[in-house]
Amino acid sequence: MQIFRPGDTGYDDERSGFQTGLRHEPQVVFAVENADDVREAVDHAVTHGLEYAIQTTGHGLTTATTGVLISTRRMNAVEVDPVTRTARAEAGAVWQQVHEQAAPHGLAPLSGDASDVGVVGYTLGGGFSVLAREFGFASDRVRATEKVGDVVTALEFELLEVDRVHAGEMFFEAEHAAEVFEAFHAWDLPDHVTPALTTLGDVVRVTFASTKPFDVGHLRVAPRLSEDFGPRPFAEAAGKPLPPHAYQGDNVLLGDLPLEALQEVRQKAARSSVPIFVGVLPLGGALTTDATHLVKLISPRLGVRELHEEVFDLLRPFVLGRTRNFRYAVG
């Protein structure tokens, strides 16, 4: 294990992560390699009356610490057991590592749409997979949790017998957003299909995935900038790593999402003085929740929480709560 303090060579690298707009400012960084190292870091924090936090290997940094930072990037072992169809991932592992070891056995985890997200943080937040409506939350598949105090050092979880999926995406110019949002909202969605609708500046993106065939013809309500749909390996549907950048975002879980409210959210976000990207995830199916939809907002900069809340205000009558997933730099 290495220990870094301000001014030490390697301190800045160790406290930096995927989120470039918000950084930890710790008094000391413990670059842990095993559970005993984690215990030493936690004991140090408790002994000196300091807060402690985990340096996330994925995307979800919310609040920076000034006390003890536990960096888990070296603690990233992944083991796959094809007989029991399970995997064990340490605190610093990312989903790409699980994909690489599981795929040769025709297995797949319930990972999301970015392969560089940390396994543990994602799963502890619930875990909205690209196959979520078909198989439920990633957290539902956890078999065992290894901990030091309240720090999770490893998870054991079930893998699915999934080799290939039916998946794809459509891109539309933003001028067709109203028609695309209406068609998406009206989709008579089979329980086994997991879709997502996202605005990305000048374009609107719709993604969809399932282990079973399904039709997306009704979504072709406007000219597509591009369209890609068909059988493919699961890892291709699970997404590729993204470069580090600054961002802030949050979400709400809804008990209902009328079309009028959805269109108002789209319009309000599009008129914002800073970019606000809107994401809509229909829930239901195998997901054990009373919510019908999750709506998330994200911007490529910090200091936009009030602007996001103005958009969320349009949905207040339907809000049930929030999920720990999709909360970025919001405290």
Protein backbone atom coordinates (compact mmCIF):
# COMPACT_ATOMS: atom_id res chain seq x y z
CA MET A 1 0.00 0.00 0.00
CA GLN A 2 1.12 3.53 -0.78
CA ILE A 3 0.18 6.58 1.27
CA PHE A 4 0.09 10.07 -0.24
CA ARG A 5 -0.17 13.51 1.36
CA PRO A 6 -0.47 16.95 -0.26
CA GLY A 7 2.76 17.78 -2.06
CA ASP A 8 3.77 14.16 -2.55
CA THR A 9 4.52 12.90 -6.05
CA GLY A 10 1.44 10.95 -7.14
CA TYR A 11 -0.97 12.71 -4.77
CA ASP A 12 -2.82 14.55 -7.55
CA ASP A 13 -3.08 11.47 -9.77
CA GLU A 14 -4.41 9.37 -6.91
CA ARG A 15 -7.15 11.82 -5.94
CA SER A 16 -8.28 12.41 -9.53
CA GLY A 17 -10.94 10.39 -11.27
CA PHE A 18 -13.52 10.39 -14.05
CA GLN A 19 -15.12 13.59 -12.69
CA THR A 20 -12.74 16.44 -13.57
CA GLY A 21 -14.92 19.27 -12.24
CA LEU A 22 -14.84 18.12 -8.61
CA ARG A 23 -11.81 16.75 -6.79
CA HIS A 24 -11.19 15.37 -3.35
CA GLU A 25 -8.89 17.51 -1.14
CA PRO A 26 -7.81 14.87 1.39
CA GLN A 27 -5.27 15.22 4.15
CA VAL A 28 -4.09 11.74 3.29
CA VAL A 29 -4.73 9.17 0.54
CA PHE A 30 -4.47 5.45 1.24
CA ALA A 31 -3.90 3.59 -2.04
CA VAL A 32 -5.21 0.25 -0.80
CA GLU A 33 -4.52 -3.17 -2.26
CA ASN A 34 -6.55 -5.45 0.03
CA ALA A 35 -9.07 -5.50 2.87
CA ASP A 36 -6.35 -5.16 5.54
CA ASP A 37 -5.23 -1.91 3.90
CA VAL A 38 -8.82 -0.66 3.97
CA ARG A 39 -9.01 -1.48 7.68
CA GLU A 40 -5.83 0.49 8.32
CA ALA A 41 -7.22 3.49 6.42
CA VAL A 42 -10.52 3.42 8.31
CA ASP A 43 -8.73 3.02 11.65
CA HIS A 44 -6.56 6.05 10.82
CA ALA A 45 -9.64 8.13 10.06
CA VAL A 46 -11.42 7.08 13.25
CA THR A 47 -8.34 7.59 15.42
CA HIS A 48 -7.79 11.11 14.10
CA GLY A 49 -11.45 12.10 13.97
CA LEU A 50 -11.47 12.47 10.18
CA GLU A 51 -14.18 11.75 7.65
CA TYR A 52 -13.32 9.16 5.03
CA ALA A 53 -14.51 8.46 1.50
CA ILE A 54 -13.87 6.05 -1.35
CA GLN A 55 -12.27 7.32 -4.55
CA THR A 56 -14.82 6.02 -7.05
CA THR A 57 -13.48 4.10 -10.01
CA GLY A 58 -16.63 4.92 -11.95
CA HIS A 59 -18.73 8.03 -12.54
CA GLY A 60 -20.50 8.79 -9.26
CA LEU A 61 -18.45 11.31 -7.28
CA THR A 62 -20.96 13.42 -5.33
CA THR A 63 -19.22 15.03 -2.35
CA ALA A 64 -15.49 15.65 -2.00
CA THR A 65 -13.71 14.66 1.19
CA THR A 66 -11.07 16.69 3.06
CA GLY A 67 -10.18 13.86 5.42
CA VAL A 68 -9.04 10.38 4.41
CA LEU A 69 -9.43 9.20 0.84
CA ILE A 70 -9.38 5.45 0.24
CA SER A 71 -8.29 4.83 -3.35
CA THR A 72 -9.32 1.37 -4.52
CA ARG A 73 -8.03 1.42 -8.10
CA ARG A 74 -5.33 -1.18 -7.27
CA MET A 75 -7.87 -3.39 -5.52
CA ASN A 76 -9.61 -4.53 -8.70
CA ALA A 77 -9.50 -8.32 -8.95
CA VAL A 78 -12.37 -10.06 -10.76
CA GLU A 79 -13.07 -13.79 -10.63
CA VAL A 80 -15.73 -15.57 -12.68
CA ASP A 81 -17.00 -19.05 -11.84
CA PRO A 82 -18.75 -20.46 -14.93
CA VAL A 83 -20.06 -23.48 -12.99
CA THR A 84 -22.01 -21.48 -10.39
CA ARG A 85 -22.51 -18.59 -12.88
CA THR A 86 -21.22 -16.06 -10.38
CA ALA A 87 -18.57 -13.37 -10.25
CA ARG A 88 -16.61 -11.74 -7.44
CA ALA A 89 -15.41 -8.18 -7.99
CA GLU A 90 -13.27 -6.13 -5.64
CA ALA A 91 -14.02 -2.50 -4.80
CA GLY A 92 -11.98 -0.99 -7.62
CA ALA A 93 -13.15 -3.23 -10.47
CA VAL A 94 -15.10 -1.87 -13.44
CA TRP A 95 -17.68 -3.65 -15.58
CA GLN A 96 -15.38 -4.05 -18.57
CA GLN A 97 -13.29 -6.47 -16.53
CA VAL A 98 -16.37 -8.57 -15.77
CA HIS A 99 -17.46 -8.55 -19.43
CA GLU A 100 -14.06 -9.79 -20.55
CA GLN A 101 -14.05 -12.72 -18.15
CA ALA A 102 -17.73 -13.66 -18.39
CA ALA A 103 -18.27 -13.46 -22.17
CA PRO A 104 -16.11 -16.51 -23.09
CA HIS A 105 -18.48 -18.60 -20.96
CA GLY A 106 -21.67 -17.18 -22.53
CA LEU A 107 -22.37 -15.18 -19.38
CA ALA A 108 -23.08 -11.51 -18.68
CA PRO A 109 -23.62 -9.24 -15.67
CA LEU A 110 -26.47 -6.79 -15.22
CA SER A 111 -24.25 -3.83 -16.08
CA GLY A 112 -25.28 -0.46 -17.48
CA ASP A 113 -24.50 1.46 -20.65
CA ALA A 114 -20.92 2.46 -19.75
CA SER A 115 -18.31 -0.25 -19.30
CA ASP A 116 -15.94 1.94 -17.25
CA VAL A 117 -18.38 2.32 -14.35
CA GLY A 118 -17.32 0.77 -11.04
CA VAL A 119 -19.04 -2.52 -10.21
CA VAL A 120 -19.52 -1.90 -6.49
CA GLY A 121 -20.78 1.70 -6.56
CA TYR A 122 -23.16 0.96 -9.43
CA THR A 123 -24.60 -2.12 -7.73
CA LEU A 124 -24.98 -0.51 -4.30
CA GLY A 125 -27.03 2.24 -5.98
CA GLY A 126 -29.41 -0.39 -7.37
CA GLY A 127 -27.99 -0.76 -10.85
CA PHE A 128 -30.15 0.05 -13.88
CA SER A 129 -28.90 -2.40 -16.48
CA VAL A 130 -29.37 -2.25 -20.24
CA LEU A 131 -31.56 -5.34 -19.57
CA ALA A 132 -33.19 -3.97 -16.41
CA ARG A 133 -36.85 -4.44 -17.35
CA GLU A 134 -36.13 -8.04 -18.33
CA PHE A 135 -34.05 -9.10 -15.32
CA GLY A 136 -34.44 -6.46 -12.59
CA PHE A 137 -31.90 -4.46 -10.61
CA ALA A 138 -28.26 -5.50 -10.45
CA SER A 139 -28.55 -5.34 -6.65
CA ASP A 140 -31.15 -8.13 -6.78
CA ARG A 141 -28.39 -10.50 -7.98
CA VAL A 142 -25.94 -9.90 -5.13
CA ARG A 143 -25.12 -13.09 -3.25
CA ALA A 144 -22.51 -11.85 -0.78
CA THR A 145 -21.00 -8.58 0.41
CA GLU A 146 -17.54 -8.26 1.93
CA LYS A 147 -17.04 -5.22 4.15
CA VAL A 148 -14.61 -3.47 6.46
CA GLY A 149 -16.84 -1.38 8.69
CA ASP A 150 -19.16 0.36 6.26
CA VAL A 151 -16.73 0.11 3.33
CA VAL A 152 -17.66 -2.58 0.81
CA THR A 153 -14.46 -4.28 -0.33
CA ALA A 154 -15.98 -6.86 -2.70
CA LEU A 155 -19.26 -8.20 -4.04
CA GLU A 156 -20.26 -11.65 -5.23
CA PHE A 157 -23.15 -11.64 -7.68
CA GLU A 158 -25.00 -13.81 -10.17
CA LEU A 159 -24.28 -13.76 -13.88
CA LEU A 160 -26.88 -14.40 -16.55
CA GLU A 161 -26.72 -16.94 -19.36
CA VAL A 162 -26.69 -14.20 -21.98
CA ASP A 163 -24.38 -14.29 -24.97
CA ARG A 164 -26.07 -12.11 -27.56
CA VAL A 165 -28.85 -9.54 -27.32
CA HIS A 166 -31.18 -7.73 -29.70
CA ALA A 167 -30.15 -4.13 -29.30
CA GLY A 168 -29.55 -0.88 -31.10
CA GLU A 169 -30.07 2.85 -31.28
CA MET A 170 -31.59 5.59 -33.39
CA PHE A 171 -30.40 9.18 -33.71
CA PHE A 172 -32.66 12.04 -34.78
CA GLU A 173 -32.04 15.74 -35.29
CA ALA A 174 -33.34 17.78 -32.34
CA GLU A 175 -35.88 19.53 -34.58
CA HIS A 176 -37.82 16.23 -34.55
CA ALA A 177 -37.66 15.86 -30.76
CA ALA A 178 -41.37 16.48 -30.15
CA GLU A 179 -42.42 13.67 -32.51
CA VAL A 180 -39.78 11.28 -31.16
CA PHE A 181 -40.75 11.97 -27.54
CA GLU A 182 -44.42 11.38 -28.35
CA ALA A 183 -43.71 8.10 -30.16
CA PHE A 184 -41.47 6.91 -27.30
CA HIS A 185 -44.12 7.81 -24.72
CA ALA A 186 -46.81 5.96 -26.68
CA TRP A 187 -44.74 2.79 -27.10
CA ASP A 188 -46.73 -0.29 -26.04
CA LEU A 189 -43.58 -1.55 -24.39
CA PRO A 190 -43.08 -5.30 -23.94
CA ASP A 191 -41.90 -6.15 -20.42
CA HIS A 192 -38.71 -7.74 -21.75
CA VAL A 193 -37.50 -4.61 -23.59
CA THR A 194 -35.38 -1.96 -21.85
CA PRO A 195 -35.29 1.39 -23.70
CA ALA A 196 -33.89 4.84 -22.98
CA LEU A 197 -34.56 8.24 -24.52
CA THR A 198 -31.86 10.91 -24.32
CA THR A 199 -31.31 14.42 -25.65
CA LEU A 200 -27.70 15.20 -26.54
CA GLY A 201 -27.53 18.80 -27.71
CA ASP A 202 -28.46 18.82 -31.38
CA VAL A 203 -29.61 15.19 -31.45
CA VAL A 204 -32.07 12.84 -29.78
CA ARG A 205 -31.00 9.27 -29.12
CA VAL A 206 -33.20 6.23 -28.47
CA THR A 207 -31.63 2.95 -27.34
CA PHE A 208 -33.25 -0.43 -26.73
CA ALA A 209 -32.20 -3.95 -25.74
CA SER A 210 -33.60 -7.39 -24.93
CA THR A 211 -32.59 -11.02 -25.18
CA LYS A 212 -35.73 -11.57 -27.28
CA PRO A 213 -36.68 -10.10 -30.68
CA PHE A 214 -38.94 -7.01 -30.74
CA ASP A 215 -40.10 -4.32 -33.15
CA VAL A 216 -39.16 -0.61 -33.15
CA GLY A 217 -40.94 0.41 -36.33
CA HIS A 218 -43.28 2.82 -34.57
CA LEU A 219 -40.28 4.91 -33.46
CA ARG A 220 -39.43 5.79 -37.07
CA VAL A 221 -41.53 8.94 -36.97
CA ALA A 222 -38.89 11.19 -38.52
CA PRO A 223 -35.77 10.89 -40.66
CA ARG A 224 -32.96 9.20 -38.77
CA LEU A 225 -29.44 10.53 -38.74
CA SER A 226 -28.45 6.93 -38.13
CA GLU A 227 -30.04 3.65 -37.11
CA ASP A 228 -28.42 0.43 -35.92
CA PHE A 229 -30.47 -2.52 -34.69
CA GLY A 230 -29.87 -6.24 -34.58
CA PRO A 231 -28.32 -9.16 -32.68
CA ARG A 232 -24.90 -8.49 -31.14
CA PRO A 233 -22.68 -9.58 -28.26
CA PHE A 234 -23.88 -8.31 -24.91
CA ALA A 235 -20.70 -6.31 -24.31
CA GLU A 236 -21.45 -4.17 -27.39
CA ALA A 237 -24.85 -3.21 -25.97
CA ALA A 238 -23.25 -2.47 -22.60
CA GLY A 239 -21.35 0.51 -23.99
CA LYS A 240 -17.81 1.78 -24.26
CA PRO A 241 -15.61 3.79 -21.86
CA LEU A 242 -15.93 7.59 -21.93
CA PRO A 243 -13.15 10.17 -21.44
CA PRO A 244 -13.02 12.01 -18.08
CA HIS A 245 -14.88 15.32 -18.02
CA ALA A 246 -16.75 17.77 -15.77
CA TYR A 247 -20.45 17.15 -15.22
CA GLN A 248 -23.30 17.55 -12.76
CA GLY A 249 -26.56 15.64 -12.71
CA ASP A 250 -29.47 14.28 -10.73
CA ASN A 251 -32.64 12.27 -11.19
CA VAL A 252 -36.22 11.74 -10.01
CA LEU A 253 -38.33 8.60 -9.78
CA LEU A 254 -41.88 9.17 -10.95
CA GLY A 255 -45.21 7.49 -10.23
CA ASP A 256 -46.54 8.73 -13.56
CA LEU A 257 -45.24 10.67 -16.54
CA PRO A 258 -47.96 12.29 -18.68
CA LEU A 259 -46.92 13.23 -22.21
CA GLU A 260 -47.59 16.92 -21.58
CA ALA A 261 -45.22 16.95 -18.61
CA LEU A 262 -42.56 15.08 -20.57
CA GLN A 263 -42.74 17.57 -23.45
CA GLU A 264 -42.55 20.49 -21.00
CA VAL A 265 -39.41 19.01 -19.47
CA ARG A 266 -37.86 18.63 -22.91
CA GLN A 267 -38.71 22.22 -23.88
CA LYS A 268 -37.54 23.72 -20.56
CA ALA A 269 -34.20 21.91 -20.77
CA ALA A 270 -33.71 22.91 -24.40
CA ARG A 271 -34.19 26.61 -23.52
CA SER A 272 -31.71 26.53 -20.63
CA SER A 273 -28.79 28.98 -20.60
CA VAL A 274 -26.43 25.99 -20.18
CA PRO A 275 -26.76 22.57 -21.84
CA ILE A 276 -29.10 20.23 -19.99
CA PHE A 277 -29.37 16.73 -21.39
CA VAL A 278 -32.58 14.85 -20.53
CA GLY A 279 -32.71 11.08 -20.06
CA VAL A 280 -35.94 9.06 -19.73
CA LEU A 281 -35.96 5.45 -18.56
CA PRO A 282 -39.28 3.58 -18.45
CA LEU A 283 -39.30 1.22 -15.47
CA GLY A 284 -41.69 -1.62 -14.63
CA GLY A 285 -41.17 -5.11 -16.00
CA ALA A 286 -38.89 -7.04 -13.63
CA LEU A 287 -37.84 -3.91 -11.73
CA THR A 288 -39.15 -4.06 -8.15
CA THR A 289 -40.28 -0.46 -7.75
CA ASP A 290 -43.51 1.53 -7.61
CA ALA A 291 -42.01 4.09 -10.00
CA THR A 292 -43.04 4.04 -13.64
CA HIS A 293 -40.21 6.21 -14.97
CA LEU A 294 -36.84 7.64 -14.07
CA VAL A 295 -35.96 11.06 -15.48
CA LYS A 296 -32.35 12.21 -15.22
CA LEU A 297 -30.70 15.52 -16.07
CA ILE A 298 -27.02 16.07 -16.70
CA SER A 299 -24.92 19.05 -17.76
CA PRO A 300 -21.27 19.20 -18.86
CA ARG A 301 -20.30 21.61 -16.07
CA LEU A 302 -20.86 22.26 -12.36
CA GLY A 303 -22.99 24.93 -10.67
CA VAL A 304 -26.22 24.03 -12.45
CA ARG A 305 -28.24 22.49 -9.64
CA GLU A 306 -30.77 25.37 -9.51
CA LEU A 307 -31.32 25.12 -13.27
CA HIS A 308 -31.90 21.38 -12.95
CA GLU A 309 -34.36 21.88 -10.10
CA GLU A 310 -36.36 24.31 -12.25
CA VAL A 311 -36.79 21.50 -14.78
CA PHE A 312 -37.60 18.94 -12.08
CA ASP A 313 -40.26 21.35 -10.72
CA LEU A 314 -42.38 20.49 -13.77
CA LEU A 315 -42.53 16.90 -12.48
CA ARG A 316 -43.15 17.56 -8.75
CA PRO A 317 -46.73 16.19 -8.70
CA PHE A 318 -45.41 12.80 -9.82
CA VAL A 319 -42.13 12.51 -7.88
CA LEU A 320 -41.70 9.51 -5.56
CA GLY A 321 -38.03 10.01 -4.73
CA ARG A 322 -34.57 9.65 -6.24
CA THR A 323 -32.15 6.81 -6.90
CA ARG A 324 -28.50 6.80 -5.83
CA ASN A 325 -27.53 5.98 -9.37
CA PHE A 326 -27.30 9.03 -11.66
CA ARG A 327 -26.42 11.50 -8.87
CA TYR A 328 -23.30 13.43 -9.82
CA ALA A 329 -21.62 16.28 -7.91
CA VAL A 330 -24.82 17.13 -6.00
CA GLY A 331 -23.70 16.58 -2.39
